Protein backbone atom coordinates (compact mmCIF):
# COMPACT_ATOMS: atom_id res chain seq x y z
CA MET A 1 -7.02 10.83 -112.31
CA ARG A 2 -5.70 8.89 -109.14
CA LEU A 3 -3.55 6.02 -108.76
CA GLY A 4 -4.19 2.92 -107.21
CA HIS A 5 -2.86 -0.85 -106.67
CA VAL A 6 -5.03 -4.07 -107.93
CA ILE A 7 -5.51 -6.03 -105.10
CA GLY A 8 -8.00 -8.58 -106.60
CA ASN A 9 -10.89 -9.31 -109.19
CA VAL A 10 -14.74 -9.26 -108.72
CA THR A 11 -16.55 -11.85 -110.31
CA LEU A 12 -19.76 -11.47 -111.54
CA SER A 13 -22.79 -13.79 -111.54
CA GLN A 14 -24.63 -11.90 -114.12
CA GLN A 15 -23.39 -8.86 -116.34
CA ASP A 16 -25.11 -5.95 -118.38
CA PRO A 17 -24.24 -6.16 -121.87
CA ALA A 18 -22.78 -2.45 -121.74
CA TYR A 19 -19.66 -4.23 -119.66
CA ARG A 20 -18.85 -6.52 -122.16
CA GLY A 21 -15.36 -7.18 -122.95
CA GLY A 22 -13.96 -5.79 -119.71
CA ARG A 23 -14.04 -6.72 -115.87
CA PHE A 24 -14.19 -5.53 -112.43
CA LEU A 25 -10.98 -5.11 -110.30
CA LEU A 26 -10.67 -4.62 -106.60
CA VAL A 27 -8.45 -1.11 -106.30
CA GLN A 28 -6.66 0.08 -103.17
CA PRO A 29 -6.09 3.85 -103.83
CA TRP A 30 -2.86 5.54 -103.22
CA SER A 31 -2.35 7.81 -100.41
CA ALA A 32 0.32 11.05 -100.73
CA ALA A 33 2.72 8.71 -98.44
CA ARG A 34 2.20 5.71 -100.56
CA PHE A 35 4.16 7.43 -103.61
CA ALA A 36 7.50 7.31 -101.72
CA THR A 37 7.56 3.47 -101.63
CA PRO A 38 5.61 2.57 -104.73
CA ALA A 39 6.93 -0.99 -104.70
CA ALA A 40 5.97 -1.72 -101.17
CA PRO A 41 2.86 -4.00 -100.59
CA SER A 42 -0.63 -2.23 -100.09
CA GLY A 43 -1.68 -1.80 -96.61
CA SER A 44 -5.00 -2.50 -95.50
CA GLY A 45 -7.83 0.43 -95.58
CA THR A 46 -10.76 1.12 -98.14
CA SER A 47 -10.83 -0.33 -101.52
CA LEU A 48 -13.10 0.35 -104.34
CA VAL A 49 -14.35 -1.61 -107.72
CA VAL A 50 -12.98 -0.21 -110.65
CA TYR A 51 -14.25 -1.34 -114.57
CA ASP A 52 -11.25 -2.14 -116.56
CA LYS A 53 -11.09 -2.70 -120.46
CA LEU A 54 -6.99 -2.65 -120.65
CA GLY A 55 -6.23 -6.08 -119.11
CA ALA A 56 -4.83 -5.08 -115.68
CA GLY A 57 -4.13 -7.63 -113.34
CA VAL A 58 -3.48 -8.13 -109.82
CA GLY A 59 -0.43 -6.35 -108.55
CA SER A 60 -0.85 -3.56 -111.38
CA ILE A 61 -0.42 0.11 -110.51
CA ILE A 62 -3.25 1.84 -112.28
CA GLY A 63 -4.59 5.35 -113.11
CA TYR A 64 -8.34 5.61 -112.76
CA THR A 65 -11.13 8.13 -113.05
CA GLU A 66 -14.05 8.35 -110.77
CA GLY A 67 -17.58 10.03 -110.83
CA SER A 68 -19.03 11.38 -114.21
CA GLU A 69 -15.87 11.12 -116.12
CA ALA A 70 -15.95 7.47 -115.26
CA ALA A 71 -18.58 7.07 -117.67
CA LYS A 72 -17.36 9.06 -120.68
CA PRO A 73 -15.67 5.95 -122.62
CA PHE A 74 -18.69 4.32 -123.09
CA ALA A 75 -20.99 4.88 -126.02
CA THR A 76 -24.26 5.01 -124.30
CA ALA A 77 -25.32 6.00 -120.51
CA THR A 78 -23.58 3.30 -118.25
CA PRO A 79 -23.70 3.10 -114.22
CA VAL A 80 -20.14 2.99 -113.56
CA ASP A 81 -18.37 4.63 -110.63
CA ALA A 82 -14.67 4.29 -111.58
CA TYR A 83 -12.95 3.42 -114.68
CA CYS A 84 -9.53 2.48 -115.31
CA ALA A 85 -7.83 4.87 -117.88
CA ALA A 86 -4.03 3.71 -117.81
CA ILE A 87 -1.63 0.76 -116.71
CA ILE A 88 1.38 2.63 -114.97
CA ASP A 89 4.76 1.17 -115.99
CA GLU A 90 6.91 3.02 -113.53
CA VAL A 91 6.32 5.67 -111.05
CA PHE A 92 9.18 8.45 -110.43
CA TYR A 93 9.00 10.32 -107.18
CA GLN A 94 11.01 13.27 -105.89
CA PRO A 95 9.72 14.47 -102.53
CA PRO A 96 9.15 18.41 -102.51
CA ILE A 97 12.09 20.61 -101.00
């Protein structure tokens, strides 16, 4: 599982019925350096689209899975690359000694 910051929503004109009840979020993955300042706004960089059924919103920190693990929550084979598995309330970081 990786952490990311939700920076936007994705709007679809048509949607496959397998995705009913959820939505797609635009997420900026966290780098290792990002853990030192979790409250700071996300910088520029690559982002990805994550399917969310938990209700995360813009500004939320989420935990997401990628690859074949992202399709596991669906009852039938569904093409999805990233899935929101958790909404993170707090991040406690202690740098290595």
